[in-house]
Amino acid sequence: MTPPARSRRAENTGFACVHCGSAVPANTDGHYRNHCPVCLWSLHVDDLPGDRASGCRAPMEPIGLVEKSGKGWQVVHRCTACGHRQPNRLVREGDAPDDLDVVLGLPWL
């Protein structure tokens, strides 16, 4: 049996940051919000971007910044439990854009 299709709108919800405890609102620019705009930490929920299939669920530390063609600047996260690395698009507009002082403090990979 095929699992029911997920709704992007239903999955784009706010959350409490696992690292700093900030209340993180849902993103309003049409993309998922997958990291905290205050400290940039994330949670290991995806095996592939957007699939929400990872069973790890450990915190992911922001470890760097990269620019990807067609996607712009991305924060690179590394899982604190299993080491999985995942780039995630910066949130530059909307209700809670990423803190640029924190972003600019990340190393260039």
Protein backbone atom coordinates (compact mmCIF):
# COMPACT_ATOMS: atom_id res chain seq x y z
CA MET A 1 0.00 0.00 0.00
CA THR A 2 1.34 3.45 -0.94
CA PRO A 3 1.59 5.92 1.97
CA PRO A 4 -0.62 8.99 1.64
CA ALA A 5 0.96 12.04 0.00
CA ARG A 6 2.27 14.63 2.42
CA SER A 7 1.12 18.20 2.21
CA ARG A 8 3.94 20.76 2.16
CA ARG A 9 1.60 23.27 3.78
CA ALA A 10 0.75 20.85 6.61
CA GLU A 11 4.44 20.14 7.25
CA ASN A 12 5.51 23.80 7.20
CA THR A 13 4.83 24.44 10.87
CA GLY A 14 6.56 26.29 13.66
CA PHE A 15 8.67 24.54 16.27
CA ALA A 16 10.81 25.11 19.38
CA CYS A 17 14.56 25.11 18.68
CA VAL A 18 16.22 22.04 20.16
CA HIS A 19 19.41 24.03 20.83
CA CYS A 20 18.41 27.48 22.15
CA GLY A 21 14.68 26.99 22.84
CA SER A 22 13.55 29.89 20.64
CA ALA A 23 10.04 29.73 19.21
CA VAL A 24 10.54 29.36 15.44
CA PRO A 25 7.60 30.36 13.22
CA ALA A 26 6.74 28.55 10.00
CA ASN A 27 8.46 29.97 6.94
CA THR A 28 6.38 32.32 4.79
CA ASP A 29 8.42 32.31 1.56
CA GLY A 30 7.15 28.98 0.17
CA HIS A 31 10.03 26.85 1.51
CA TYR A 32 10.30 24.66 4.59
CA ARG A 33 11.79 26.19 7.72
CA ASN A 34 14.25 23.58 8.93
CA HIS A 35 16.56 25.52 11.22
CA CYS A 36 16.40 28.16 13.93
CA PRO A 37 16.83 31.76 12.73
CA VAL A 38 18.48 32.72 16.04
CA CYS A 39 21.23 30.09 16.45
CA LEU A 40 20.94 28.28 13.05
CA TRP A 41 20.79 24.80 14.63
CA SER A 42 18.59 22.16 12.99
CA LEU A 43 17.30 18.66 13.69
CA HIS A 44 18.21 15.52 11.71
CA VAL A 45 14.80 14.63 10.28
CA ASP A 46 15.64 14.04 6.59
CA ASP A 47 17.64 11.35 4.81
CA LEU A 48 17.10 13.24 1.55
CA PRO A 49 16.00 16.89 1.54
CA GLY A 50 12.33 17.14 2.53
CA ASP A 51 11.64 13.42 2.98
CA ARG A 52 11.32 13.50 6.80
CA ALA A 53 12.46 9.86 6.77
CA SER A 54 15.43 9.93 9.18
CA GLY A 55 15.05 8.03 12.40
CA CYS A 56 18.05 9.82 13.93
CA ARG A 57 16.32 13.00 15.16
CA ALA A 58 19.53 14.35 16.80
CA PRO A 59 20.48 18.04 16.80
CA MET A 60 22.44 19.30 13.79
CA GLU A 61 25.12 21.93 14.33
CA PRO A 62 25.70 24.70 11.79
CA ILE A 63 29.29 24.17 10.64
CA GLY A 64 29.71 26.25 7.50
CA LEU A 65 28.35 28.26 4.65
CA VAL A 66 28.33 27.37 0.94
CA GLU A 67 26.90 28.92 -2.21
CA LYS A 68 25.09 26.57 -4.56
CA SER A 69 24.14 27.46 -8.11
CA GLY A 70 20.39 27.97 -8.36
CA LYS A 71 19.89 27.72 -4.60
CA GLY A 72 21.99 30.58 -3.30
CA TRP A 73 23.65 30.63 0.10
CA GLN A 74 23.15 27.61 2.33
CA VAL A 75 24.06 26.74 5.91
CA VAL A 76 25.77 23.34 6.18
CA HIS A 77 24.59 21.31 9.17
CA ARG A 78 26.31 18.26 10.69
CA CYS A 79 24.41 15.80 12.86
CA THR A 80 25.83 15.61 16.39
CA ALA A 81 25.00 11.88 16.60
CA CYS A 82 25.73 10.29 13.22
CA GLY A 83 27.75 12.93 11.35
CA HIS A 84 25.30 13.29 8.43
CA ARG A 85 25.87 16.59 6.60
CA GLN A 86 23.13 18.55 4.90
CA PRO A 87 23.10 22.02 3.33
CA ASN A 88 19.96 24.07 3.99
CA ARG A 89 18.83 27.25 2.24
CA LEU A 90 19.17 30.47 4.22
CA VAL A 91 15.92 32.21 5.10
CA ARG A 92 16.39 35.83 4.09
CA GLU A 93 12.81 37.13 4.12
CA GLY A 94 9.53 36.51 5.92
CA ASP A 95 8.53 36.65 9.57
CA ALA A 96 11.86 35.45 10.99
CA PRO A 97 14.87 35.76 8.65
CA ASP A 98 18.13 34.12 9.71
CA ASP A 99 20.36 36.22 11.99
CA LEU A 100 22.99 37.54 9.56
CA ASP A 101 25.52 38.15 12.35
CA VAL A 102 25.43 34.42 13.15
CA VAL A 103 25.48 33.48 9.45
CA LEU A 104 28.51 35.68 8.77
CA GLY A 105 30.34 34.05 11.68
CA LEU A 106 30.21 30.61 10.02
CA PRO A 107 33.32 29.31 8.26
CA TRP A 108 33.37 29.14 4.47
CA LEU A 109 33.61 25.46 3.41
